[in-house]
Amino acid sequence: MKQMRTVPDPVLRERLGLYLSGERVNAPLAREAHVFAFSTLAGVYLMESDLYGNALEEGQYFLAFEGRAGLMGKNITLDDLQRSSLEDIKRLVTENHSG
């Protein structure tokens, strides 16, 4: 079984407003997978597994959000997250919202 991890950089968590979420998402999660929410983006999550419950490799995350047909999202790397601003995340969600 893959070892699950959290976003390692507290500076990144603070900059993007990420916090460990206690909310249930409408998707199966890999065992021990964490779900982070964005404090300023309702219904947007950073997950350590995909929407099918598959654990992701180290440095890979799934950006999940409510789309036209329910929960959807996009794979995103830790490197891309570190280079992204909150505005970049908002734009990615908006551009991919309709599937």
N, C-alpha and C. Protein backbone atom coordinates (compact mmCIF):
# COMPACT_ATOMS: atom_id res chain seq x y z
N MET A 1 0.84 -1.19 0.00
CA MET A 1 0.00 0.00 0.00
C MET A 1 0.88 1.24 0.00
N LYS A 2 0.49 2.22 -0.77
CA LYS A 2 1.25 3.48 -0.84
C LYS A 2 1.10 4.24 0.46
N GLN A 3 2.18 4.85 0.88
CA GLN A 3 2.13 5.68 2.07
C GLN A 3 1.51 7.02 1.72
N MET A 4 0.50 7.41 2.47
CA MET A 4 -0.16 8.68 2.21
C MET A 4 0.58 9.78 2.95
N ARG A 5 0.49 10.98 2.46
CA ARG A 5 1.18 12.11 3.03
C ARG A 5 0.31 13.34 2.94
N THR A 6 0.68 14.36 3.66
CA THR A 6 -0.04 15.62 3.58
C THR A 6 0.80 16.60 2.78
N VAL A 7 0.19 17.69 2.37
CA VAL A 7 0.95 18.73 1.69
C VAL A 7 2.06 19.13 2.66
N PRO A 8 3.31 18.95 2.28
CA PRO A 8 4.41 19.08 3.23
C PRO A 8 4.77 20.50 3.66
N ASP A 9 4.40 21.47 2.88
CA ASP A 9 4.90 22.82 3.11
C ASP A 9 3.86 23.70 3.79
N PRO A 10 4.08 24.02 5.07
CA PRO A 10 3.11 24.89 5.76
C PRO A 10 2.97 26.26 5.11
N VAL A 11 4.02 26.75 4.47
CA VAL A 11 3.96 28.05 3.78
C VAL A 11 2.98 27.95 2.62
N LEU A 12 3.03 26.84 1.88
CA LEU A 12 2.10 26.63 0.77
C LEU A 12 0.67 26.53 1.28
N ARG A 13 0.47 25.79 2.35
CA ARG A 13 -0.88 25.66 2.93
C ARG A 13 -1.42 27.04 3.31
N GLU A 14 -0.58 27.85 3.93
CA GLU A 14 -1.03 29.18 4.34
C GLU A 14 -1.30 30.07 3.13
N ARG A 15 -0.41 30.05 2.15
CA ARG A 15 -0.55 30.92 0.96
C ARG A 15 -1.82 30.61 0.18
N LEU A 16 -2.15 29.31 0.05
CA LEU A 16 -3.34 28.93 -0.71
C LEU A 16 -4.58 28.79 0.18
N GLY A 17 -4.42 28.94 1.48
CA GLY A 17 -5.56 28.82 2.39
C GLY A 17 -6.04 27.39 2.51
N LEU A 18 -5.13 26.43 2.45
CA LEU A 18 -5.50 25.02 2.56
C LEU A 18 -5.57 24.59 4.02
N TYR A 19 -6.59 23.81 4.33
CA TYR A 19 -6.68 23.22 5.67
C TYR A 19 -7.23 21.81 5.53
N LEU A 20 -6.86 20.95 6.46
CA LEU A 20 -7.33 19.58 6.46
C LEU A 20 -8.84 19.60 6.70
N SER A 21 -9.58 19.06 5.75
CA SER A 21 -11.04 19.16 5.79
C SER A 21 -11.66 17.95 6.48
N GLY A 22 -12.66 18.21 7.26
CA GLY A 22 -13.44 17.14 7.86
C GLY A 22 -14.71 16.87 7.06
N GLU A 23 -14.91 17.64 5.99
CA GLU A 23 -16.10 17.47 5.16
C GLU A 23 -16.02 16.16 4.38
N ARG A 24 -17.15 15.55 4.16
CA ARG A 24 -17.21 14.36 3.32
C ARG A 24 -17.42 14.80 1.88
N VAL A 25 -16.64 14.23 1.00
CA VAL A 25 -16.82 14.51 -0.42
C VAL A 25 -17.57 13.35 -1.03
N ASN A 26 -18.26 13.61 -2.11
CA ASN A 26 -19.07 12.60 -2.76
C ASN A 26 -18.20 11.77 -3.71
N ALA A 27 -17.20 11.09 -3.11
CA ALA A 27 -16.30 10.24 -3.88
C ALA A 27 -15.63 9.27 -2.92
N PRO A 28 -15.35 8.06 -3.39
CA PRO A 28 -14.60 7.15 -2.52
C PRO A 28 -13.16 7.67 -2.39
N LEU A 29 -12.58 7.45 -1.24
CA LEU A 29 -11.21 7.90 -1.01
C LEU A 29 -10.32 6.70 -0.71
N ALA A 30 -9.07 6.80 -1.13
CA ALA A 30 -8.11 5.76 -0.77
C ALA A 30 -7.96 5.76 0.75
N ARG A 31 -7.70 4.60 1.29
CA ARG A 31 -7.51 4.49 2.73
C ARG A 31 -6.37 5.42 3.15
N GLU A 32 -6.57 6.14 4.22
CA GLU A 32 -5.58 7.08 4.76
C GLU A 32 -5.38 8.33 3.92
N ALA A 33 -6.17 8.52 2.87
CA ALA A 33 -6.04 9.72 2.03
C ALA A 33 -6.59 10.93 2.77
N HIS A 34 -5.93 12.04 2.61
CA HIS A 34 -6.38 13.29 3.20
C HIS A 34 -7.10 14.13 2.15
N VAL A 35 -8.00 14.94 2.64
CA VAL A 35 -8.72 15.89 1.80
C VAL A 35 -8.51 17.27 2.42
N PHE A 36 -8.01 18.18 1.61
CA PHE A 36 -7.81 19.56 2.04
C PHE A 36 -8.86 20.43 1.35
N ALA A 37 -9.32 21.44 2.06
CA ALA A 37 -10.25 22.42 1.49
C ALA A 37 -9.53 23.75 1.41
N PHE A 38 -10.03 24.61 0.53
CA PHE A 38 -9.51 25.96 0.39
C PHE A 38 -10.40 26.89 1.21
N SER A 39 -9.82 27.68 2.07
CA SER A 39 -10.62 28.52 2.96
C SER A 39 -11.44 29.55 2.21
N THR A 40 -11.02 29.95 1.01
CA THR A 40 -11.75 30.99 0.28
C THR A 40 -12.44 30.46 -0.99
N LEU A 41 -12.38 29.16 -1.23
CA LEU A 41 -13.02 28.58 -2.41
C LEU A 41 -13.98 27.48 -1.97
N ALA A 42 -15.25 27.79 -1.91
CA ALA A 42 -16.24 26.82 -1.47
C ALA A 42 -16.34 25.66 -2.47
N GLY A 43 -16.37 24.45 -1.95
CA GLY A 43 -16.56 23.28 -2.79
C GLY A 43 -15.36 22.90 -3.64
N VAL A 44 -14.18 23.39 -3.29
CA VAL A 44 -12.94 23.04 -4.01
C VAL A 44 -12.03 22.32 -3.03
N TYR A 45 -11.53 21.15 -3.45
CA TYR A 45 -10.74 20.30 -2.56
C TYR A 45 -9.44 19.86 -3.23
N LEU A 46 -8.45 19.64 -2.43
CA LEU A 46 -7.20 19.04 -2.88
C LEU A 46 -7.13 17.68 -2.19
N MET A 47 -7.12 16.62 -3.01
CA MET A 47 -7.23 15.27 -2.46
C MET A 47 -5.98 14.44 -2.78
N GLU A 48 -5.70 13.48 -1.91
CA GLU A 48 -4.58 12.57 -2.11
C GLU A 48 -5.00 11.30 -2.84
N SER A 49 -6.22 11.26 -3.32
CA SER A 49 -6.68 10.17 -4.17
C SER A 49 -7.59 10.75 -5.24
N ASP A 50 -7.81 9.98 -6.29
CA ASP A 50 -8.69 10.46 -7.35
C ASP A 50 -10.15 10.18 -7.00
N LEU A 51 -11.04 10.49 -7.91
CA LEU A 51 -12.47 10.32 -7.65
C LEU A 51 -12.91 8.86 -7.59
N TYR A 52 -12.02 7.95 -7.94
CA TYR A 52 -12.34 6.51 -7.91
C TYR A 52 -11.73 5.82 -6.71
N GLY A 53 -11.07 6.58 -5.84
CA GLY A 53 -10.48 6.01 -4.64
C GLY A 53 -9.08 5.47 -4.81
N ASN A 54 -8.44 5.79 -5.94
CA ASN A 54 -7.07 5.34 -6.17
C ASN A 54 -6.09 6.32 -5.53
N ALA A 55 -5.17 5.77 -4.73
CA ALA A 55 -4.14 6.61 -4.12
C ALA A 55 -3.23 7.16 -5.21
N LEU A 56 -2.82 8.40 -5.05
CA LEU A 56 -1.94 9.03 -6.02
C LEU A 56 -0.49 8.93 -5.55
N GLU A 57 0.41 8.99 -6.50
CA GLU A 57 1.84 8.92 -6.21
C GLU A 57 2.27 10.16 -5.43
N GLU A 58 3.39 10.03 -4.74
CA GLU A 58 3.99 11.15 -4.03
C GLU A 58 4.15 12.33 -5.00
N GLY A 59 3.76 13.52 -4.58
CA GLY A 59 3.89 14.70 -5.42
C GLY A 59 2.73 14.92 -6.38
N GLN A 60 1.72 14.05 -6.33
CA GLN A 60 0.53 14.17 -7.19
C GLN A 60 -0.70 14.37 -6.31
N TYR A 61 -1.58 15.23 -6.76
CA TYR A 61 -2.83 15.50 -6.04
C TYR A 61 -3.96 15.59 -7.05
N PHE A 62 -5.17 15.56 -6.54
CA PHE A 62 -6.35 15.72 -7.38
C PHE A 62 -7.10 16.94 -6.89
N LEU A 63 -7.27 17.91 -7.78
CA LEU A 63 -8.02 19.12 -7.47
C LEU A 63 -9.47 18.83 -7.84
N ALA A 64 -10.32 18.68 -6.84
CA ALA A 64 -11.72 18.32 -7.06
C ALA A 64 -12.61 19.52 -6.80
N PHE A 65 -13.69 19.60 -7.59
CA PHE A 65 -14.62 20.72 -7.45
C PHE A 65 -15.97 20.31 -8.03
N GLU A 66 -16.99 21.02 -7.62
CA GLU A 66 -18.33 20.77 -8.14
C GLU A 66 -18.43 21.30 -9.56
N GLY A 67 -18.75 20.43 -10.47
CA GLY A 67 -18.93 20.81 -11.87
C GLY A 67 -20.39 20.72 -12.27
N ARG A 68 -20.63 20.88 -13.54
CA ARG A 68 -21.99 20.84 -14.07
C ARG A 68 -22.66 19.50 -13.79
N ALA A 69 -21.87 18.42 -13.81
CA ALA A 69 -22.43 17.08 -13.64
C ALA A 69 -22.01 16.45 -12.31
N GLY A 70 -21.71 17.27 -11.30
CA GLY A 70 -21.30 16.74 -10.01
C GLY A 70 -19.82 16.95 -9.78
N LEU A 71 -19.27 16.19 -8.85
CA LEU A 71 -17.86 16.35 -8.51
C LEU A 71 -16.98 15.92 -9.67
N MET A 72 -16.04 16.76 -10.00
CA MET A 72 -15.09 16.48 -11.07
C MET A 72 -13.76 17.10 -10.69
N GLY A 73 -12.77 17.00 -11.53
CA GLY A 73 -11.51 17.60 -11.17
C GLY A 73 -10.40 17.32 -12.14
N LYS A 74 -9.20 17.56 -11.66
CA LYS A 74 -8.03 17.52 -12.52
C LYS A 74 -6.82 17.16 -11.66
N ASN A 75 -5.94 16.31 -12.21
CA ASN A 75 -4.69 16.01 -11.52
C ASN A 75 -3.81 17.25 -11.52
N ILE A 76 -3.08 17.43 -10.43
CA ILE A 76 -2.16 18.56 -10.31
C ILE A 76 -0.95 18.10 -9.51
N THR A 77 0.22 18.53 -9.93
CA THR A 77 1.43 18.13 -9.23
C THR A 77 1.74 19.11 -8.11
N LEU A 78 2.53 18.66 -7.16
CA LEU A 78 2.95 19.54 -6.09
C LEU A 78 3.76 20.70 -6.65
N ASP A 79 4.58 20.44 -7.66
CA ASP A 79 5.35 21.52 -8.30
C ASP A 79 4.43 22.58 -8.88
N ASP A 80 3.36 22.15 -9.58
CA ASP A 80 2.40 23.12 -10.14
C ASP A 80 1.69 23.89 -9.04
N LEU A 81 1.36 23.20 -7.95
CA LEU A 81 0.72 23.88 -6.82
C LEU A 81 1.64 24.95 -6.24
N GLN A 82 2.90 24.62 -6.10
CA GLN A 82 3.85 25.57 -5.52
C GLN A 82 4.03 26.80 -6.40
N ARG A 83 3.82 26.65 -7.70
CA ARG A 83 3.95 27.79 -8.63
C ARG A 83 2.62 28.53 -8.81
N SER A 84 1.55 28.02 -8.24
CA SER A 84 0.22 28.58 -8.46
C SER A 84 -0.17 29.58 -7.38
N SER A 85 -0.92 30.55 -7.81
CA SER A 85 -1.55 31.47 -6.86
C SER A 85 -2.99 31.01 -6.66
N LEU A 86 -3.66 31.60 -5.72
CA LEU A 86 -5.07 31.29 -5.52
C LEU A 86 -5.88 31.67 -6.75
N GLU A 87 -5.49 32.75 -7.41
CA GLU A 87 -6.16 33.16 -8.66
C GLU A 87 -5.98 32.10 -9.75
N ASP A 88 -4.79 31.49 -9.82
CA ASP A 88 -4.55 30.41 -10.78
C ASP A 88 -5.48 29.23 -10.52
N ILE A 89 -5.65 28.88 -9.25
CA ILE A 89 -6.54 27.77 -8.88
C ILE A 89 -7.98 28.11 -9.27
N LYS A 90 -8.42 29.33 -8.97
CA LYS A 90 -9.77 29.75 -9.34
C LYS A 90 -9.97 29.66 -10.85
N ARG A 91 -8.98 30.11 -11.62
CA ARG A 91 -9.07 30.07 -13.07
C ARG A 91 -9.14 28.63 -13.58
N LEU A 92 -8.34 27.74 -12.99
CA LEU A 92 -8.35 26.34 -13.40
C LEU A 92 -9.72 25.71 -13.14
N VAL A 93 -10.30 26.02 -12.00
CA VAL A 93 -11.65 25.50 -11.68
C VAL A 93 -12.67 26.05 -12.66
N THR A 94 -12.63 27.36 -12.93
CA THR A 94 -13.57 27.97 -13.86
C THR A 94 -13.44 27.39 -15.26
N GLU A 95 -12.21 27.22 -15.73
CA GLU A 95 -11.99 26.70 -17.09
C GLU A 95 -12.42 25.25 -17.24
N ASN A 96 -12.41 24.48 -16.15
CA ASN A 96 -12.74 23.06 -16.22
C ASN A 96 -14.11 22.73 -15.63
N HIS A 97 -14.84 23.74 -15.23
CA HIS A 97 -16.12 23.56 -14.53
C HIS A 97 -17.17 22.80 -15.34
N SER A 98 -17.21 23.02 -16.62
CA SER A 98 -18.28 22.39 -17.42
C SER A 98 -17.87 21.04 -18.00
N GLY A 99 -16.69 20.60 -17.73
CA GLY A 99 -16.26 19.28 -18.17
C GLY A 99 -15.65 19.35 -19.51
